[in-house]
Amino acid sequence: MFVELALTSSSDAADGTTYLWNLHTGSMLGSFKQNVTPLQSLALVNNSRNLGSIFLSSQAEKGMMHVYNFQKDQVFLKFPLPDKIICLATSSRGTYCAGGTENGRIHIWEIATGILHRTFDAHYKKITVLRFSADDTVMFSGSEDASVHVWMLNSLLDDGQTESPAPHYSWTDHTLPITDIQCGVGRFHGSRVVTSSMDHTCKLWDLSTGSLLTTFLFPTKITALVLDPSERYFLAASGTPASTSSTANEADYLIYQAMLYKAKHTQQGYTTMEAVDGDSGLEQIGLGGAKRHGSGGDLVFRGHHHPIQRMALNFDGSALVSGDNKGHLMVWDVASRQMVREIKQHKGAISSIHTLFQPADLYSNTTLADKPKVHSITPFKRIPQARIGEGGPEIHGNNTIADDPLIMVPSTVSSNYSSSLSAATLLASSSQEEQLIEMARRAFVGARSGSVASNTGLTSSSSGASTQAYEELEQRYRELEARLTALTTAPAPVQPVVSQSDISAALSGLRSAGTKRRKA
């Protein structure tokens, strides 16, 4: 049975802990220390293979990235960043990571290799939100300059492009800073996108054409969005009070439910459902415009008394998690819009909320025999580096394995050597395992860059290497990789055990032999 969890973090330095909760019971399953994240600066790294789950977290007030896995509560890996990152996003397949800065700059890294593919100025002001589409074809960026840019990911990753990239679309209909972006499921030509702003509006866009479909007007500033998995509605969180409770004299910060389909009565006497989008129309929400089948009541979630910072829906959209700037977490039943649980573990403002299925790392050994290996990740580079063999620098004998992004050296091997050791030094090592690693690396890099590899070095060839040479090198690489796997997985030889009595008998024999030689 799948168990749904919620991962929450805070931006308050007095808190500094990220918590993992059971979404349906409220019990805490784990905590991760030394983690103070700005708003929207924690990102899960998805993977389709049986690899250990990790999440990335840029740190507030300093240019550092912390990497955590669910197998330990301490920082798994930390490394410096080229800038102070204030918002973070990872691609749907867990391949790329994008970070935004206060001066409107965006960095894009490849997670497994750490390559910084591109750094470019995307906006005039602070980046507030980054998102990837469900099929990873585009990336969205929102800023305090009130604009949303849509970037084609393939152009951002093109190492041969030296000019600053231009957005595929630029949406400038908002008049105040952008607060959130949500993209629907599906491919590029069939997706819809919802954007929110401090100007009291949310806008629905057609991704295939870039046209505005509908504008939703709210009575308060909107600070966070979530989109229903089946795209029947979206939820918008208020950052300013909508009313004052008569009982406790506290301000109400509401969550509005905006329906994307509405009932239409036909002349034949039956009712149909039609989409509200189209012709850049205006829908009023919370102002008498959001009704429930004519019942006259606005669709709102009422319970927060402080500005709402973040929200997240579970897998099927039946449960909602919301958090405000005082550290209060609330779990809601979406169908009834009733709060079912409140959690007050955090001491500061909620900066990130993610829902996920329980990863394999957290199952006990009775359920999963062996915990999966941790997802591959390399410290992010601070200088843009083209991918080797795709228009990037040539490979020479003085390149180090740490500089080569095309192969990950196992930690058991790389930990025994300094990152400054050259490839020639490693190749001359007496360890067969290290020689196989270097030979495989050279064969694969040579194949990618159009060079012919030998067992002891690389022999340069012309750029028009034949297909047969490439296939031979690829086959050689696969053979070496298989041999390396066999070596690394082979059980260690059993060392003979020598008892204390054997040692004593040997010493006695040496003494008696020495005595006989002296007498002779």
Protein backbone atom coordinates (compact mmCIF):
# COMPACT_ATOMS: atom_id res chain seq x y z
CA MET A 1 0.00 0.00 0.00
CA PHE A 2 1.33 3.44 -0.93
CA VAL A 3 1.71 5.94 1.89
CA GLU A 4 1.44 9.65 1.12
CA LEU A 5 3.85 12.01 2.86
CA ALA A 6 4.35 15.76 3.15
CA LEU A 7 7.78 17.43 3.22
CA THR A 8 7.76 20.91 4.77
CA SER A 9 10.47 23.49 5.44
CA SER A 10 10.77 26.92 7.04
CA SER A 11 12.65 30.11 6.16
CA ASP A 12 13.22 31.05 9.82
CA ALA A 13 16.78 30.63 11.10
CA ALA A 14 15.40 29.78 14.54
CA ASP A 15 13.77 26.69 13.05
CA GLY A 16 16.32 25.31 10.59
CA THR A 17 14.65 21.89 10.31
CA THR A 18 12.75 20.24 7.48
CA TYR A 19 10.10 17.72 8.56
CA LEU A 20 8.61 14.67 6.86
CA TRP A 21 5.01 13.86 7.83
CA ASN A 22 2.47 11.16 7.20
CA LEU A 23 -0.14 13.13 5.32
CA HIS A 24 -3.15 11.20 6.68
CA THR A 25 -2.14 10.64 10.31
CA GLY A 26 -0.02 13.71 11.02
CA SER A 27 2.77 11.63 12.58
CA MET A 28 6.32 12.83 11.99
CA LEU A 29 8.49 10.30 10.16
CA GLY A 30 11.75 12.21 10.01
CA SER A 31 13.54 15.53 10.31
CA PHE A 32 16.46 17.04 8.40
CA LYS A 33 18.63 19.53 10.24
CA GLN A 34 20.65 22.58 9.19
CA ASN A 35 18.19 23.60 6.50
CA VAL A 36 16.96 27.21 6.28
CA THR A 37 15.36 27.74 2.88
CA PRO A 38 13.94 30.87 1.22
CA LEU A 39 10.46 30.76 -0.26
CA GLN A 40 10.16 28.08 -2.99
CA SER A 41 13.80 27.03 -2.64
CA LEU A 42 13.40 23.31 -1.87
CA ALA A 43 13.00 20.89 -4.77
CA LEU A 44 12.52 17.13 -4.94
CA VAL A 45 14.59 15.18 -7.48
CA ASN A 46 12.32 12.67 -9.22
CA ASN A 47 13.68 9.47 -10.71
CA SER A 48 12.12 6.61 -12.63
CA ARG A 49 14.72 4.05 -11.56
CA ASN A 50 15.10 2.36 -8.21
CA LEU A 51 17.40 5.04 -6.80
CA GLY A 52 17.38 6.63 -3.39
CA SER A 53 15.35 9.83 -3.27
CA ILE A 54 17.10 13.14 -2.66
CA PHE A 55 16.02 16.75 -2.43
CA LEU A 56 17.92 19.98 -3.01
CA SER A 57 17.71 23.05 -0.82
CA SER A 58 19.38 26.39 -1.40
CA GLN A 59 20.23 28.16 1.83
CA ALA A 60 18.94 31.56 2.91
CA GLU A 61 21.40 34.45 3.13
CA LYS A 62 24.30 32.48 1.61
CA GLY A 63 25.24 30.92 -1.69
CA MET A 64 25.22 27.29 -0.58
CA MET A 65 23.30 24.22 -1.70
CA HIS A 66 22.43 21.42 0.72
CA VAL A 67 21.53 17.97 -0.58
CA TYR A 68 19.58 15.52 1.61
CA ASN A 69 18.54 11.92 1.19
CA PHE A 70 15.89 10.12 3.20
CA GLN A 71 18.37 7.65 4.69
CA LYS A 72 19.95 10.16 7.12
CA ASP A 73 18.89 13.32 8.92
CA GLN A 74 22.11 15.25 8.31
CA VAL A 75 23.31 17.01 5.18
CA PHE A 76 24.32 14.41 2.58
CA LEU A 77 26.27 16.85 0.40
CA LYS A 78 26.90 20.59 0.43
CA PHE A 79 28.65 22.82 -2.08
CA PRO A 80 28.94 26.53 -2.97
CA LEU A 81 26.90 28.16 -5.72
CA PRO A 82 27.89 30.95 -8.12
CA ASP A 83 25.18 33.23 -6.66
CA LYS A 84 22.77 33.33 -3.77
CA ILE A 85 19.82 31.30 -5.08
CA ILE A 86 16.42 32.46 -3.86
CA CYS A 87 14.15 30.07 -5.78
CA LEU A 88 14.72 26.55 -7.09
CA ALA A 89 13.07 24.06 -9.41
CA THR A 90 13.92 20.63 -10.81
CA SER A 91 12.68 19.07 -14.04
CA SER A 92 9.94 16.45 -13.96
CA ARG A 93 12.39 13.65 -14.79
CA GLY A 94 14.95 14.81 -12.25
CA THR A 95 17.57 15.64 -14.88
CA TYR A 96 18.01 19.40 -14.59
CA CYS A 97 17.91 22.01 -11.84
CA ALA A 98 17.22 25.73 -12.29
CA GLY A 99 17.98 28.44 -9.76
CA GLY A 100 16.95 32.10 -9.75
CA THR A 101 18.71 35.06 -8.15
CA GLU A 102 17.78 38.47 -6.79
CA ASN A 103 19.15 40.29 -9.84
CA GLY A 104 16.99 38.37 -12.34
CA ARG A 105 19.59 35.81 -13.39
CA ILE A 106 18.89 32.09 -13.95
CA HIS A 107 21.38 29.21 -13.71
CA ILE A 108 20.66 25.76 -15.19
CA TRP A 109 22.61 22.67 -14.06
CA GLU A 110 22.56 19.00 -14.95
CA ILE A 111 22.05 17.23 -11.63
CA ALA A 112 23.99 14.01 -12.23
CA THR A 113 27.10 15.67 -13.63
CA GLY A 114 26.98 19.12 -12.05
CA ILE A 115 27.49 20.85 -15.41
CA LEU A 116 26.40 24.48 -15.45
CA HIS A 117 24.79 24.58 -18.89
CA ARG A 118 23.78 28.21 -18.97
CA THR A 119 23.72 31.41 -16.97
CA PHE A 120 21.65 34.24 -18.40
CA ASP A 121 19.76 37.37 -17.44
CA ALA A 122 16.08 36.51 -17.66
CA HIS A 123 14.36 39.42 -15.87
CA TYR A 124 15.03 42.97 -14.74
CA LYS A 125 14.12 42.27 -11.14
CA LYS A 126 14.16 39.45 -8.58
CA ILE A 127 13.14 35.97 -9.72
CA THR A 128 10.20 34.81 -7.60
CA VAL A 129 9.23 31.44 -9.09
CA LEU A 130 10.60 28.81 -11.50
CA ARG A 131 8.72 25.83 -12.92
CA PHE A 132 9.19 23.10 -15.54
CA SER A 133 6.38 21.74 -17.68
CA ALA A 134 5.20 18.17 -17.17
CA ASP A 135 7.05 16.96 -20.31
CA ASP A 136 10.17 19.08 -19.62
CA THR A 137 9.93 20.93 -22.93
CA VAL A 138 9.69 24.40 -21.41
CA MET A 139 10.68 26.27 -18.26
CA PHE A 140 8.64 29.10 -16.74
CA SER A 141 10.07 32.03 -14.82
CA GLY A 142 8.19 34.70 -12.87
CA SER A 143 9.61 37.87 -11.44
CA GLU A 144 8.92 41.01 -9.47
CA ASP A 145 8.89 42.84 -12.81
CA ALA A 146 5.32 41.45 -13.26
CA SER A 147 6.24 39.33 -16.28
CA VAL A 148 6.23 35.58 -16.94
CA HIS A 149 8.68 34.18 -19.49
CA VAL A 150 8.36 30.79 -21.19
CA TRP A 151 11.71 29.30 -22.25
CA MET A 152 12.24 26.36 -24.59
CA LEU A 153 14.50 24.00 -22.69
CA ASN A 154 16.30 22.68 -25.77
CA SER A 155 17.51 26.17 -26.66
CA LEU A 156 18.71 26.79 -23.10
CA LEU A 157 20.74 23.57 -23.21
CA ASP A 158 22.26 24.25 -26.63
CA ASP A 159 25.97 24.68 -25.87
CA GLY A 160 26.62 26.00 -29.36
CA GLN A 161 24.40 29.03 -28.77
CA THR A 162 26.56 31.90 -27.55
CA GLU A 163 23.98 34.69 -27.60
CA SER A 164 21.65 35.37 -24.71
CA PRO A 165 18.50 33.23 -25.13
CA ALA A 166 15.16 34.80 -25.97
CA PRO A 167 11.91 33.58 -24.36
CA HIS A 168 9.42 31.67 -26.49
CA TYR A 169 6.57 33.68 -24.91
CA SER A 170 6.54 36.76 -22.69
CA TRP A 171 3.34 37.23 -20.73
CA THR A 172 3.08 40.79 -19.44
CA ASP A 173 -0.62 41.09 -18.60
CA HIS A 174 -0.02 41.15 -14.83
CA THR A 175 0.68 44.53 -13.25
CA LEU A 176 2.36 43.50 -9.95
CA PRO A 177 4.97 40.88 -8.93
CA ILE A 178 4.35 37.27 -9.92
CA THR A 179 3.85 34.94 -6.95
CA ASP A 180 3.28 31.47 -8.42
CA ILE A 181 3.01 29.44 -11.64
CA GLN A 182 1.30 26.07 -12.15
CA CYS A 183 1.38 24.03 -15.35
CA GLY A 184 -1.15 21.35 -16.19
CA VAL A 185 -0.43 17.81 -17.28
CA GLY A 186 0.14 16.78 -20.86
CA ARG A 187 2.48 17.79 -23.63
CA PHE A 188 3.38 21.23 -24.87
CA HIS A 189 0.55 21.46 -27.38
CA GLY A 190 -2.17 20.49 -24.92
CA SER A 191 -1.26 22.14 -21.60
CA ARG A 192 -2.74 25.07 -19.77
CA VAL A 193 -0.85 27.31 -17.34
CA VAL A 194 -2.12 29.31 -14.36
CA THR A 195 -0.20 32.33 -13.05
CA SER A 196 -0.88 34.41 -9.94
CA SER A 197 0.15 37.90 -8.93
CA MET A 198 -0.09 40.49 -6.18
CA ASP A 199 -2.52 42.39 -8.44
CA HIS A 200 -5.45 40.26 -7.14
CA THR A 201 -5.67 38.21 -10.33
CA CYS A 202 -4.87 34.75 -11.65
CA LYS A 203 -4.62 34.20 -15.38
CA LEU A 204 -5.16 31.04 -17.42
CA TRP A 205 -2.99 30.62 -20.53
CA ASP A 206 -2.89 28.25 -23.50
CA LEU A 207 0.68 26.97 -23.72
CA SER A 208 0.51 25.92 -27.37
CA THR A 209 -0.47 29.39 -28.62
CA GLY A 210 0.65 31.57 -25.72
CA SER A 211 -2.75 33.30 -25.66
CA LEU A 212 -4.65 34.43 -22.58
CA LEU A 213 -7.80 32.39 -21.99
CA THR A 214 -9.36 33.76 -18.81
CA THR A 215 -8.63 36.22 -16.01
CA PHE A 216 -9.84 35.40 -12.49
CA LEU A 217 -10.33 38.38 -10.19
CA PHE A 218 -10.06 37.94 -6.40
CA PRO A 219 -10.72 40.33 -3.50
CA THR A 220 -7.23 39.76 -2.02
CA LYS A 221 -3.64 39.38 -3.12
CA ILE A 222 -2.83 35.83 -4.24
CA THR A 223 0.39 34.33 -2.86
CA ALA A 224 0.21 30.62 -3.81
CA LEU A 225 -1.48 28.31 -6.32
CA VAL A 226 -2.21 24.61 -6.73
CA LEU A 227 -3.84 23.02 -9.76
CA ASP A 228 -6.11 20.00 -9.48
CA PRO A 229 -4.50 16.90 -11.07
CA SER A 230 -7.49 16.52 -13.41
CA GLU A 231 -7.61 20.30 -14.01
CA ARG A 232 -11.19 20.73 -12.84
CA TYR A 233 -10.26 23.69 -10.62
CA PHE A 234 -7.35 25.49 -9.02
CA LEU A 235 -6.90 26.79 -5.49
CA ALA A 236 -5.59 30.28 -4.74
CA ALA A 237 -4.29 31.34 -1.32
CA SER A 238 -4.75 34.88 -0.03
CA GLY A 239 -1.95 37.01 1.33
CA THR A 240 -4.20 39.73 2.70
CA PRO A 241 -7.20 39.32 5.05
CA ALA A 242 -10.60 38.94 3.46
CA SER A 243 -12.68 39.43 6.62
CA THR A 244 -12.53 39.43 10.41
CA SER A 245 -13.90 36.59 12.52
CA SER A 246 -16.57 37.75 14.90
CA THR A 247 -15.72 35.18 17.57
CA ALA A 248 -11.96 35.57 18.00
CA ASN A 249 -11.60 38.99 16.33
CA GLU A 250 -8.92 37.50 14.07
CA ALA A 251 -8.42 38.13 10.40
CA ASP A 252 -9.37 35.36 8.00
CA TYR A 253 -6.97 34.43 5.23
CA LEU A 254 -8.93 32.33 2.80
CA ILE A 255 -8.15 29.74 0.16
CA TYR A 256 -10.39 30.21 -2.88
CA GLN A 257 -11.51 27.40 -5.15
CA ALA A 258 -11.88 28.57 -8.75
CA MET A 259 -13.73 26.17 -11.00
CA LEU A 260 -12.47 25.76 -14.56
CA TYR A 261 -15.79 24.28 -15.73
CA LYS A 262 -19.29 25.59 -15.18
CA ALA A 263 -22.80 24.26 -15.65
CA LYS A 264 -24.78 25.38 -18.66
CA HIS A 265 -28.54 24.85 -18.99
CA THR A 266 -29.70 24.09 -22.51
CA GLN A 267 -33.05 24.83 -24.11
CA GLN A 268 -33.79 21.11 -24.18
CA GLY A 269 -33.91 21.07 -20.38
CA TYR A 270 -30.68 19.29 -19.51
CA THR A 271 -27.42 20.58 -18.07
CA THR A 272 -23.96 20.37 -19.62
CA MET A 273 -20.51 21.37 -18.39
CA GLU A 274 -18.35 23.74 -20.39
CA ALA A 275 -14.92 25.25 -19.83
CA VAL A 276 -14.77 28.79 -18.53
CA ASP A 277 -11.72 29.65 -20.62
CA GLY A 278 -11.86 31.46 -23.92
CA ASP A 279 -12.03 34.98 -25.38
CA SER A 280 -9.97 36.45 -22.51
CA GLY A 281 -13.05 36.62 -20.33
CA LEU A 282 -13.23 37.74 -16.68
CA GLU A 283 -14.36 35.51 -13.81
CA GLN A 284 -14.96 36.98 -10.35
CA ILE A 285 -14.02 34.70 -7.44
CA GLY A 286 -14.99 35.52 -3.87
CA LEU A 287 -17.09 38.44 -5.09
CA GLY A 288 -20.24 36.44 -5.72
CA GLY A 289 -18.82 34.78 -8.84
CA ALA A 290 -17.90 31.35 -7.39
CA LYS A 291 -21.11 29.47 -6.73
CA ARG A 292 -21.78 25.82 -6.14
CA HIS A 293 -24.60 24.74 -8.43
CA GLY A 294 -26.57 27.84 -7.54
CA SER A 295 -26.31 27.36 -3.76
CA GLY A 296 -25.12 30.95 -3.34
CA GLY A 297 -22.00 30.14 -1.29
CA ASP A 298 -18.43 30.96 -2.30
CA LEU A 299 -16.06 28.01 -2.47
CA VAL A 300 -13.54 28.91 0.22
CA PHE A 301 -11.36 27.17 2.80
CA ARG A 302 -11.55 29.09 6.06
CA GLY A 303 -9.17 28.53 8.99
CA HIS A 304 -5.89 30.42 8.57
CA HIS A 305 -5.38 33.65 10.52
CA HIS A 306 -2.05 34.62 8.98
CA PRO A 307 -0.89 35.14 5.37
CA ILE A 308 -0.71 31.81 3.55
CA GLN A 309 2.69 31.08 2.02
CA ARG A 310 2.59 27.66 0.34
CA MET A 311 0.12 24.90 -0.63
CA ALA A 312 0.29 21.40 -2.09
CA LEU A 313 -2.28 18.80 -3.18
CA ASN A 314 -1.82 15.07 -2.80
CA PHE A 315 -1.68 12.62 -5.68
CA ASP A 316 -5.42 12.43 -6.43
CA GLY A 317 -6.37 15.93 -5.27
CA SER A 318 -8.43 14.75 -2.30
CA ALA A 319 -6.25 16.36 0.40
CA LEU A 320 -4.68 19.80 0.62
CA VAL A 321 -1.76 20.96 2.79
CA SER A 322 -1.31 24.68 3.43
CA GLY A 323 1.15 26.67 5.52
CA ASP A 324 1.26 30.30 6.68
CA ASN A 325 3.98 32.73 7.74
CA LYS A 326 3.68 31.74 11.42
CA GLY A 327 4.61 28.10 10.83
CA HIS A 328 1.07 26.67 11.06
CA LEU A 329 0.34 23.72 8.78
CA MET A 330 -3.23 22.66 8.00
CA VAL A 331 -4.48 19.53 6.24
CA TRP A 332 -7.84 19.87 4.48
CA ASP A 333 -10.40 17.55 2.94
CA VAL A 334 -10.95 19.12 -0.47
CA ALA A 335 -14.42 17.68 -1.10
CA SER A 336 -15.91 19.22 2.06
CA ARG A 337 -13.36 22.06 2.41
CA GLN A 338 -13.03 21.22 6.08
CA MET A 339 -9.77 21.25 8.04
CA VAL A 340 -8.99 17.79 9.38
CA ARG A 341 -5.67 18.45 11.11
CA GLU A 342 -3.43 21.30 12.25
CA ILE A 343 0.32 20.91 12.84
CA LYS A 344 2.35 23.48 14.78
CA GLN A 345 5.84 21.98 14.71
CA HIS A 346 7.55 24.72 12.70
CA LYS A 347 8.69 27.88 14.48
CA GLY A 348 8.78 30.20 11.49
CA ALA A 349 7.24 30.95 8.10
CA ILE A 350 6.57 27.97 5.86
CA SER A 351 8.72 28.25 2.74
CA SER A 352 8.08 24.94 0.92
CA ILE A 353 5.50 22.13 0.94
CA HIS A 354 5.81 19.00 -1.19
CA THR A 355 3.65 15.88 -1.21
CA LEU A 356 5.09 12.51 -2.28
CA PHE A 357 4.66 8.79 -1.95
CA GLN A 358 6.77 7.15 0.72
CA PRO A 359 10.16 6.51 -0.92
CA ALA A 360 11.81 3.11 -0.86
CA ASP A 361 14.47 4.51 1.47
CA LEU A 362 11.95 4.69 4.33
CA TYR A 363 10.64 1.14 4.12
CA SER A 364 12.00 -1.21 6.76
CA ASN A 365 14.24 -4.13 5.82
CA THR A 366 11.34 -6.50 6.34
CA THR A 367 9.61 -4.88 3.36
CA LEU A 368 12.63 -4.02 1.22
CA ALA A 369 15.70 -6.23 1.55
CA ASP A 370 18.25 -3.68 0.43
CA LYS A 371 17.93 0.07 0.49
CA PRO A 372 18.47 1.62 -2.95
CA LYS A 373 21.62 3.46 -3.87
CA VAL A 374 21.49 7.22 -3.55
CA HIS A 375 20.54 9.13 -6.70
CA SER A 376 23.63 10.30 -8.64
CA ILE A 377 24.55 13.92 -7.98
CA THR A 378 27.74 15.91 -8.42
CA PRO A 379 28.53 19.30 -6.82
CA PHE A 380 27.27 21.99 -9.16
CA LYS A 381 29.94 23.83 -11.13
CA ARG A 382 30.23 27.59 -10.78
CA ILE A 383 31.49 28.28 -14.30
CA PRO A 384 29.57 27.29 -17.46
CA GLN A 385 31.07 24.19 -19.05
CA ALA A 386 30.02 22.69 -22.36
CA ARG A 387 29.36 18.97 -22.47
CA ILE A 388 32.46 17.13 -23.66
CA GLY A 389 32.06 15.76 -27.16
CA GLU A 390 29.20 18.13 -28.03
CA GLY A 391 31.10 21.23 -29.04
CA GLY A 392 32.97 21.38 -25.74
CA PRO A 393 36.68 21.28 -24.95
CA GLU A 394 38.92 18.48 -26.17
CA ILE A 395 40.10 15.73 -23.82
CA HIS A 396 43.82 15.73 -23.08
CA GLY A 397 46.01 13.60 -20.90
CA ASN A 398 46.07 16.14 -18.08
CA ASN A 399 42.31 16.13 -17.56
CA THR A 400 41.18 14.72 -14.26
CA ILE A 401 38.36 12.29 -13.70
CA ALA A 402 36.65 14.90 -11.53
CA ASP A 403 36.59 17.27 -14.55
CA ASP A 404 34.96 14.67 -16.80
CA PRO A 405 31.15 14.85 -16.53
CA LEU A 406 30.47 11.74 -18.60
CA ILE A 407 31.23 9.14 -15.96
CA MET A 408 30.68 9.03 -12.20
CA VAL A 409 33.54 7.43 -10.24
CA PRO A 410 32.22 5.32 -7.34
CA SER A 411 32.77 6.97 -3.97
CA THR A 412 34.71 3.94 -2.73
CA VAL A 413 37.34 4.63 -5.38
CA SER A 414 37.30 8.42 -5.59
CA SER A 415 37.56 8.85 -1.83
CA ASN A 416 41.01 7.24 -1.88
CA TYR A 417 42.43 9.82 -4.27
CA SER A 418 42.64 13.56 -4.38
CA SER A 419 40.62 15.27 -7.12
CA SER A 420 43.88 16.78 -8.40
CA LEU A 421 45.30 13.43 -9.55
CA SER A 422 45.70 13.28 -13.30
CA ALA A 423 44.27 10.58 -15.54
CA ALA A 424 47.79 9.38 -16.39
CA THR A 425 48.58 8.89 -12.69
CA LEU A 426 45.42 6.88 -12.15
CA LEU A 427 46.09 4.81 -15.25
CA ALA A 428 49.54 3.91 -13.94
CA SER A 429 48.08 2.71 -10.64
CA SER A 430 48.52 -0.94 -9.75
CA SER A 431 44.78 -1.36 -9.03
CA GLN A 432 42.99 -3.21 -11.81
CA GLU A 433 39.71 -1.61 -10.84
CA GLU A 434 41.06 1.93 -11.23
CA GLN A 435 42.65 1.05 -14.58
CA LEU A 436 39.32 -0.26 -15.84
CA ILE A 437 37.59 2.93 -14.75
CA GLU A 438 40.08 5.10 -16.61
CA MET A 439 40.02 2.89 -19.71
CA ALA A 440 36.21 2.98 -19.80
CA ARG A 441 36.18 6.73 -19.30
CA ARG A 442 38.68 7.31 -22.09
CA ALA A 443 36.89 4.94 -24.49
CA PHE A 444 33.53 6.58 -23.91
CA VAL A 445 34.83 10.16 -24.08
CA GLY A 446 36.78 9.32 -27.21
CA ALA A 447 33.64 7.95 -28.83
CA ARG A 448 31.68 11.08 -27.94
CA SER A 449 34.36 13.48 -29.16
CA GLY A 450 35.32 11.62 -32.34
CA SER A 451 38.61 10.16 -31.15
CA VAL A 452 39.97 6.60 -31.20
CA ALA A 453 40.95 5.23 -27.78
CA SER A 454 43.61 2.71 -26.87
CA ASN A 455 44.35 0.92 -23.62
CA THR A 456 47.01 3.43 -22.59
CA GLY A 457 45.86 6.70 -24.06
CA LEU A 458 43.88 8.55 -26.73
CA THR A 459 44.97 8.83 -30.36
CA SER A 460 43.35 11.86 -32.01
CA SER A 461 41.60 11.36 -35.31
CA SER A 462 39.79 13.59 -37.69
CA SER A 463 36.34 14.88 -36.81
CA GLY A 464 34.80 12.60 -39.43
CA ALA A 465 35.44 9.30 -37.62
CA SER A 466 33.70 6.34 -39.15
CA THR A 467 30.59 4.74 -37.71
CA GLN A 468 32.38 1.42 -37.38
CA ALA A 469 35.06 2.93 -35.13
CA TYR A 470 32.39 4.46 -32.95
CA GLU A 471 30.53 1.16 -32.59
CA GLU A 472 33.74 -0.65 -31.69
CA LEU A 473 34.53 1.91 -29.01
CA GLU A 474 31.01 1.73 -27.63
CA GLN A 475 31.22 -2.07 -27.47
CA ARG A 476 34.60 -1.79 -25.71
CA TYR A 477 33.10 0.60 -23.20
CA ARG A 478 30.23 -1.80 -22.44
CA GLU A 479 32.66 -4.70 -21.92
CA LEU A 480 34.80 -2.63 -19.56
CA GLU A 481 31.73 -1.45 -17.70
CA ALA A 482 30.58 -5.05 -17.22
CA ARG A 483 34.03 -6.08 -15.94
CA LEU A 484 34.07 -3.12 -13.58
CA THR A 485 30.64 -4.05 -12.23
CA ALA A 486 31.82 -7.61 -11.64
CA LEU A 487 34.87 -6.34 -9.76
CA THR A 488 32.97 -3.88 -7.59
CA THR A 489 30.25 -6.38 -6.69
CA ALA A 490 32.55 -9.37 -6.04
CA PRO A 491 32.67 -10.40 -2.38
CA ALA A 492 35.84 -9.53 -0.48
CA PRO A 493 38.19 -12.48 0.11
CA VAL A 494 37.93 -14.05 3.53
CA GLN A 495 41.03 -13.40 5.56
CA PRO A 496 42.48 -16.39 7.46
CA VAL A 497 41.95 -16.23 11.18
CA VAL A 498 45.02 -16.96 13.37
CA SER A 499 44.29 -17.97 16.94
CA GLN A 500 46.25 -16.84 19.98
CA SER A 501 47.44 -20.41 20.60
CA ASP A 502 48.97 -20.60 17.12
CA ILE A 503 50.88 -17.38 17.76
CA SER A 504 52.15 -18.64 21.12
CA ALA A 505 53.29 -21.95 19.61
CA ALA A 506 55.15 -20.13 16.85
CA LEU A 507 56.95 -17.90 19.33
CA SER A 508 57.93 -20.89 21.47
CA GLY A 509 59.37 -22.62 18.41
CA LEU A 510 61.46 -19.57 17.53
CA ARG A 511 62.84 -19.34 21.05
CA SER A 512 63.82 -23.05 21.15
CA ALA A 513 65.49 -22.79 17.74
CA GLY A 514 67.52 -19.81 18.90
CA THR A 515 68.62 -21.63 22.05
CA LYS A 516 69.82 -24.65 20.06
CA ARG A 517 71.85 -22.40 17.69
CA ARG A 518 73.59 -20.69 20.62
CA LYS A 519 74.53 -24.06 22.22
CA ALA A 520 75.91 -25.31 18.93
